[in-house]
Amino acid sequence: WVCGGDKVLATKIIGVSSTLSTLMALATVPFAPWIGRRFGKRAGLCLGAGLYVLYALVQPWLLRPEQPWLQVWGALLVAPAGAFFGAFLGSFLADICDLDDAEYGHRREGMFGSVYNFVKKIEISACALITGYLLAFAKFDVALPMQTPETLATLRWLTFAPYIALTGL
């Protein structure tokens, strides 16, 4: 919809966005320890979640057919969100392992790491499953060269509304 069906343009935008997002994430990671020391790990985690919500809130203005390159700004915003969220979430996992050791006298990092990764894999699988149902809900038809305006409107809302709702949990 944003690129008007131009797959070449969409591919270029995705390539530029992915490259800039990776560079932005790498540039952001060194700030995580400073934020953790200065404001606390909880604040750093909330900063990452807040940036995710901000990313979702600006999506309607960034996904515009008349200016398809605006999408790149979203990639620059979501990269620090992921970097902060991931860094501080991992840090909390280490704290949980230390607390468990102090309370029970056993080192069980492997168990906690396994459970954490198992839940992440369930999340990824659930997202793939839910995406299929959301496409069906939006009446997406792969056989059509261009989707109906109703389908495009529904897909547009599904691009950012669940992001806001689920990040708030």
C-alpha atoms as a PDB file:
ATOM      1  CA  TRP A   1       0.000   0.000   0.000  1.00  0.00           C
ATOM      2  CA  VAL A   2       2.711   2.483   0.952  1.00  0.00           C
ATOM      3  CA  CYS A   3       4.761   1.760  -2.154  1.00  0.00           C
ATOM      4  CA  GLY A   4       1.742   1.410  -4.425  1.00  0.00           C
ATOM      5  CA  GLY A   5       2.599  -2.172  -5.313  1.00  0.00           C
ATOM      6  CA  ASP A   6       6.166  -1.256  -6.364  1.00  0.00           C
ATOM      7  CA  LYS A   7       8.104  -4.231  -4.984  1.00  0.00           C
ATOM      8  CA  VAL A   8      11.468  -2.802  -6.055  1.00  0.00           C
ATOM      9  CA  LEU A   9      10.888   0.393  -4.086  1.00  0.00           C
ATOM     10  CA  ALA A  10       9.598  -1.579  -1.089  1.00  0.00           C
ATOM     11  CA  THR A  11      12.683  -3.789  -1.173  1.00  0.00           C
ATOM     12  CA  LYS A  12      14.990  -0.754  -1.297  1.00  0.00           C
ATOM     13  CA  ILE A  13      13.202   0.838   1.659  1.00  0.00           C
ATOM     14  CA  ILE A  14      13.387  -2.382   3.667  1.00  0.00           C
ATOM     15  CA  GLY A  15      17.093  -2.731   2.877  1.00  0.00           C
ATOM     16  CA  VAL A  16      17.915   0.841   3.894  1.00  0.00           C
ATOM     17  CA  SER A  17      15.695   0.602   6.986  1.00  0.00           C
ATOM     18  CA  SER A  18      17.277  -2.664   8.107  1.00  0.00           C
ATOM     19  CA  THR A  19      20.802  -1.372   7.621  1.00  0.00           C
ATOM     20  CA  LEU A  20      20.128   1.886   9.467  1.00  0.00           C
ATOM     21  CA  SER A  21      18.250   0.041  12.207  1.00  0.00           C
ATOM     22  CA  THR A  22      21.206  -2.272  12.789  1.00  0.00           C
ATOM     23  CA  LEU A  23      23.644   0.637  12.886  1.00  0.00           C
ATOM     24  CA  MET A  24      21.376   2.577  15.241  1.00  0.00           C
ATOM     25  CA  ALA A  25      21.043  -0.413  17.580  1.00  0.00           C
ATOM     26  CA  LEU A  26      24.829  -0.830  17.661  1.00  0.00           C
ATOM     27  CA  ALA A  27      25.235   2.873  18.409  1.00  0.00           C
ATOM     28  CA  THR A  28      22.598   2.713  21.160  1.00  0.00           C
ATOM     29  CA  VAL A  29      23.878  -0.308  23.106  1.00  0.00           C
ATOM     30  CA  PRO A  30      26.801   1.535  24.772  1.00  0.00           C
ATOM     31  CA  PHE A  31      24.303   3.916  26.422  1.00  0.00           C
ATOM     32  CA  ALA A  32      22.469   1.102  28.224  1.00  0.00           C
ATOM     33  CA  PRO A  33      24.979   0.729  31.101  1.00  0.00           C
ATOM     34  CA  TRP A  34      24.993   4.481  31.678  1.00  0.00           C
ATOM     35  CA  ILE A  35      21.184   4.594  31.725  1.00  0.00           C
ATOM     36  CA  GLY A  36      21.108   1.616  34.093  1.00  0.00           C
ATOM     37  CA  ARG A  37      23.551   3.226  36.521  1.00  0.00           C
ATOM     38  CA  ARG A  38      22.028   6.695  36.310  1.00  0.00           C
ATOM     39  CA  PHE A  39      18.297   5.893  36.313  1.00  0.00           C
ATOM     40  CA  GLY A  40      18.078   2.210  37.226  1.00  0.00           C
ATOM     41  CA  LYS A  41      17.406  -0.913  35.222  1.00  0.00           C
ATOM     42  CA  ARG A  42      13.649  -0.658  35.611  1.00  0.00           C
ATOM     43  CA  ALA A  43      13.714   2.826  34.097  1.00  0.00           C
ATOM     44  CA  GLY A  44      15.859   1.509  31.229  1.00  0.00           C
ATOM     45  CA  LEU A  45      13.362  -1.290  30.571  1.00  0.00           C
ATOM     46  CA  CYS A  46      10.498   1.219  30.698  1.00  0.00           C
ATOM     47  CA  LEU A  47      12.420   3.460  28.273  1.00  0.00           C
ATOM     48  CA  GLY A  48      12.659   0.574  25.795  1.00  0.00           C
ATOM     49  CA  ALA A  49       8.957  -0.231  26.182  1.00  0.00           C
ATOM     50  CA  GLY A  50       8.080   3.449  25.867  1.00  0.00           C
ATOM     51  CA  LEU A  51      10.044   3.740  22.637  1.00  0.00           C
ATOM     52  CA  TYR A  52       8.151   0.712  21.301  1.00  0.00           C
ATOM     53  CA  VAL A  53       4.839   2.424  22.103  1.00  0.00           C
ATOM     54  CA  LEU A  54       6.070   5.687  20.554  1.00  0.00           C
ATOM     55  CA  TYR A  55       7.080   3.733  17.439  1.00  0.00           C
ATOM     56  CA  ALA A  56       3.574   2.284  17.204  1.00  0.00           C
ATOM     57  CA  LEU A  57       1.980   5.690  17.746  1.00  0.00           C
ATOM     58  CA  VAL A  58       3.922   7.361  14.914  1.00  0.00           C
ATOM     59  CA  GLN A  59       3.322   4.525  12.450  1.00  0.00           C
ATOM     60  CA  PRO A  60       0.134   6.080  10.983  1.00  0.00           C
ATOM     61  CA  TRP A  61       2.148   9.166   9.999  1.00  0.00           C
ATOM     62  CA  LEU A  62       5.132   7.202   8.718  1.00  0.00           C
ATOM     63  CA  LEU A  63       3.190   4.766   6.539  1.00  0.00           C
ATOM     64  CA  ARG A  64       2.143   7.216   3.823  1.00  0.00           C
ATOM     65  CA  PRO A  65       1.902   6.414   0.116  1.00  0.00           C
ATOM     66  CA  GLU A  66       2.852   9.968  -0.851  1.00  0.00           C
ATOM     67  CA  GLN A  67       6.127   9.682   1.110  1.00  0.00           C
ATOM     68  CA  PRO A  68       7.133   6.009   1.331  1.00  0.00           C
ATOM     69  CA  TRP A  69      10.658   6.792   2.594  1.00  0.00           C
ATOM     70  CA  LEU A  70       9.229   8.083   5.892  1.00  0.00           C
ATOM     71  CA  GLN A  71       9.202   4.437   7.004  1.00  0.00           C
ATOM     72  CA  VAL A  72      12.946   4.688   7.539  1.00  0.00           C
ATOM     73  CA  TRP A  73      12.337   6.947  10.559  1.00  0.00           C
ATOM     74  CA  GLY A  74      10.377   4.148  12.200  1.00  0.00           C
ATOM     75  CA  ALA A  75      13.345   1.824  11.848  1.00  0.00           C
ATOM     76  CA  LEU A  76      15.556   4.427  13.541  1.00  0.00           C
ATOM     77  CA  LEU A  77      13.100   4.685  16.425  1.00  0.00           C
ATOM     78  CA  VAL A  78      12.523   0.982  16.976  1.00  0.00           C
ATOM     79  CA  ALA A  79      16.247   0.111  17.034  1.00  0.00           C
ATOM     80  CA  PRO A  80      17.001   1.816  20.386  1.00  0.00           C
ATOM     81  CA  ALA A  81      13.767   0.364  21.773  1.00  0.00           C
ATOM     82  CA  GLY A  82      14.953  -3.156  21.018  1.00  0.00           C
ATOM     83  CA  ALA A  83      18.478  -2.473  22.235  1.00  0.00           C
ATOM     84  CA  PHE A  84      17.365  -1.062  25.587  1.00  0.00           C
ATOM     85  CA  PHE A  85      14.579  -3.566  26.103  1.00  0.00           C
ATOM     86  CA  GLY A  86      16.816  -6.531  25.297  1.00  0.00           C
ATOM     87  CA  ALA A  87      19.762  -5.320  27.370  1.00  0.00           C
ATOM     88  CA  PHE A  88      17.735  -4.613  30.477  1.00  0.00           C
ATOM     89  CA  LEU A  89      15.584  -7.730  30.169  1.00  0.00           C
ATOM     90  CA  GLY A  90      18.752  -9.844  30.073  1.00  0.00           C
ATOM     91  CA  SER A  91      20.090  -7.957  33.059  1.00  0.00           C
ATOM     92  CA  PHE A  92      16.938  -8.740  35.033  1.00  0.00           C
ATOM     93  CA  LEU A  93      17.374 -12.418  34.207  1.00  0.00           C
ATOM     94  CA  ALA A  94      20.852 -12.326  35.775  1.00  0.00           C
ATOM     95  CA  ASP A  95      19.425 -10.627  38.870  1.00  0.00           C
ATOM     96  CA  ILE A  96      16.775 -13.337  39.175  1.00  0.00           C
ATOM     97  CA  CYS A  97      19.474 -16.009  39.011  1.00  0.00           C
ATOM     98  CA  ASP A  98      21.462 -14.259  41.758  1.00  0.00           C
ATOM     99  CA  LEU A  99      18.361 -13.883  43.931  1.00  0.00           C
ATOM    100  CA  ASP A 100      17.507 -17.563  43.458  1.00  0.00           C
ATOM    101  CA  ASP A 101      21.066 -18.524  44.472  1.00  0.00           C
ATOM    102  CA  ALA A 102      20.892 -16.320  47.575  1.00  0.00           C
ATOM    103  CA  GLU A 103      17.524 -17.767  48.631  1.00  0.00           C
ATOM    104  CA  TYR A 104      18.015 -21.447  47.807  1.00  0.00           C
ATOM    105  CA  GLY A 105      21.779 -21.927  47.548  1.00  0.00           C
ATOM    106  CA  HIS A 106      21.665 -23.416  44.044  1.00  0.00           C
ATOM    107  CA  ARG A 107      23.042 -22.016  40.794  1.00  0.00           C
ATOM    108  CA  ARG A 108      20.352 -22.650  38.190  1.00  0.00           C
ATOM    109  CA  GLU A 109      21.207 -20.235  35.386  1.00  0.00           C
ATOM    110  CA  GLY A 110      20.748 -22.998  32.842  1.00  0.00           C
ATOM    111  CA  MET A 111      17.200 -23.668  33.991  1.00  0.00           C
ATOM    112  CA  PHE A 112      16.267 -19.971  33.971  1.00  0.00           C
ATOM    113  CA  GLY A 113      17.918 -19.457  30.573  1.00  0.00           C
ATOM    114  CA  SER A 114      16.096 -22.483  29.172  1.00  0.00           C
ATOM    115  CA  VAL A 115      12.712 -21.287  30.421  1.00  0.00           C
ATOM    116  CA  TYR A 116      13.383 -17.775  29.098  1.00  0.00           C
ATOM    117  CA  ASN A 117      14.320 -19.087  25.635  1.00  0.00           C
ATOM    118  CA  PHE A 118      11.402 -21.540  25.628  1.00  0.00           C
ATOM    119  CA  VAL A 119       8.979 -18.680  26.316  1.00  0.00           C
ATOM    120  CA  LYS A 120      10.621 -16.622  23.542  1.00  0.00           C
ATOM    121  CA  LYS A 121      10.117 -19.501  21.106  1.00  0.00           C
ATOM    122  CA  ILE A 122       6.485 -19.834  22.151  1.00  0.00           C
ATOM    123  CA  GLU A 123       6.120 -16.087  21.557  1.00  0.00           C
ATOM    124  CA  ILE A 124       7.589 -16.367  18.053  1.00  0.00           C
ATOM    125  CA  SER A 125       5.349 -19.325  17.214  1.00  0.00           C
ATOM    126  CA  ALA A 126       2.274 -17.574  18.615  1.00  0.00           C
ATOM    127  CA  CYS A 127       3.078 -14.461  16.571  1.00  0.00           C
ATOM    128  CA  ALA A 128       3.301 -16.506  13.376  1.00  0.00           C
ATOM    129  CA  LEU A 129       0.014 -18.236  14.170  1.00  0.00           C
ATOM    130  CA  ILE A 130      -1.771 -15.023  15.137  1.00  0.00           C
ATOM    131  CA  THR A 131      -0.485 -13.270  12.013  1.00  0.00           C
ATOM    132  CA  GLY A 132      -2.225 -15.861   9.858  1.00  0.00           C
ATOM    133  CA  TYR A 133      -5.495 -15.336  11.698  1.00  0.00           C
ATOM    134  CA  LEU A 134      -5.148 -11.542  11.468  1.00  0.00           C
ATOM    135  CA  LEU A 135      -4.594 -11.769   7.712  1.00  0.00           C
ATOM    136  CA  ALA A 136      -7.742 -13.878   7.452  1.00  0.00           C
ATOM    137  CA  PHE A 137      -9.597 -11.386   9.672  1.00  0.00           C
ATOM    138  CA  ALA A 138      -8.522  -8.547   7.371  1.00  0.00           C
ATOM    139  CA  LYS A 139      -9.749 -10.589   4.370  1.00  0.00           C
ATOM    140  CA  PHE A 140      -6.302 -10.573   2.764  1.00  0.00           C
ATOM    141  CA  ASP A 141      -6.406 -12.368  -0.599  1.00  0.00           C
ATOM    142  CA  VAL A 142      -3.016 -13.423  -1.935  1.00  0.00           C
ATOM    143  CA  ALA A 143      -4.498 -13.913  -5.422  1.00  0.00           C
ATOM    144  CA  LEU A 144      -5.349 -10.222  -5.815  1.00  0.00           C
ATOM    145  CA  PRO A 145      -2.735  -7.947  -7.399  1.00  0.00           C
ATOM    146  CA  MET A 146      -3.912  -5.136  -5.068  1.00  0.00           C
ATOM    147  CA  GLN A 147      -5.953  -5.609  -1.893  1.00  0.00           C
ATOM    148  CA  THR A 148      -9.317  -3.930  -1.402  1.00  0.00           C
ATOM    149  CA  PRO A 149      -9.367  -0.553   0.399  1.00  0.00           C
ATOM    150  CA  GLU A 150     -11.124  -2.185   3.377  1.00  0.00           C
ATOM    151  CA  THR A 151      -8.429  -4.840   3.653  1.00  0.00           C
ATOM    152  CA  LEU A 152      -5.685  -2.221   3.409  1.00  0.00           C
ATOM    153  CA  ALA A 153      -7.330  -0.091   6.104  1.00  0.00           C
ATOM    154  CA  THR A 154      -7.664  -3.091   8.417  1.00  0.00           C
ATOM    155  CA  LEU A 155      -4.060  -4.147   7.793  1.00  0.00           C
ATOM    156  CA  ARG A 156      -2.904  -0.598   8.481  1.00  0.00           C
ATOM    157  CA  TRP A 157      -4.621  -0.597  11.872  1.00  0.00           C
ATOM    158  CA  LEU A 158      -3.291  -4.062  12.630  1.00  0.00           C
ATOM    159  CA  THR A 159       0.225  -2.745  11.951  1.00  0.00           C
ATOM    160  CA  PHE A 160       0.288  -0.578  15.064  1.00  0.00           C
ATOM    161  CA  ALA A 161      -2.776  -1.110  17.299  1.00  0.00           C
ATOM    162  CA  PRO A 162      -1.724  -4.521  18.736  1.00  0.00           C
ATOM    163  CA  TYR A 163       1.768  -3.106  19.278  1.00  0.00           C
ATOM    164  CA  ILE A 164       0.378  -0.405  21.554  1.00  0.00           C
ATOM    165  CA  ALA A 165      -1.995  -2.726  23.405  1.00  0.00           C
ATOM    166  CA  LEU A 166       0.463  -5.577  24.003  1.00  0.00           C
ATOM    167  CA  THR A 167       3.414  -3.370  24.952  1.00  0.00           C
ATOM    168  CA  GLY A 168       1.248  -1.757  27.610  1.00  0.00           C
ATOM    169  CA  LEU A 169       0.754  -5.141  29.285  1.00  0.00           C
END
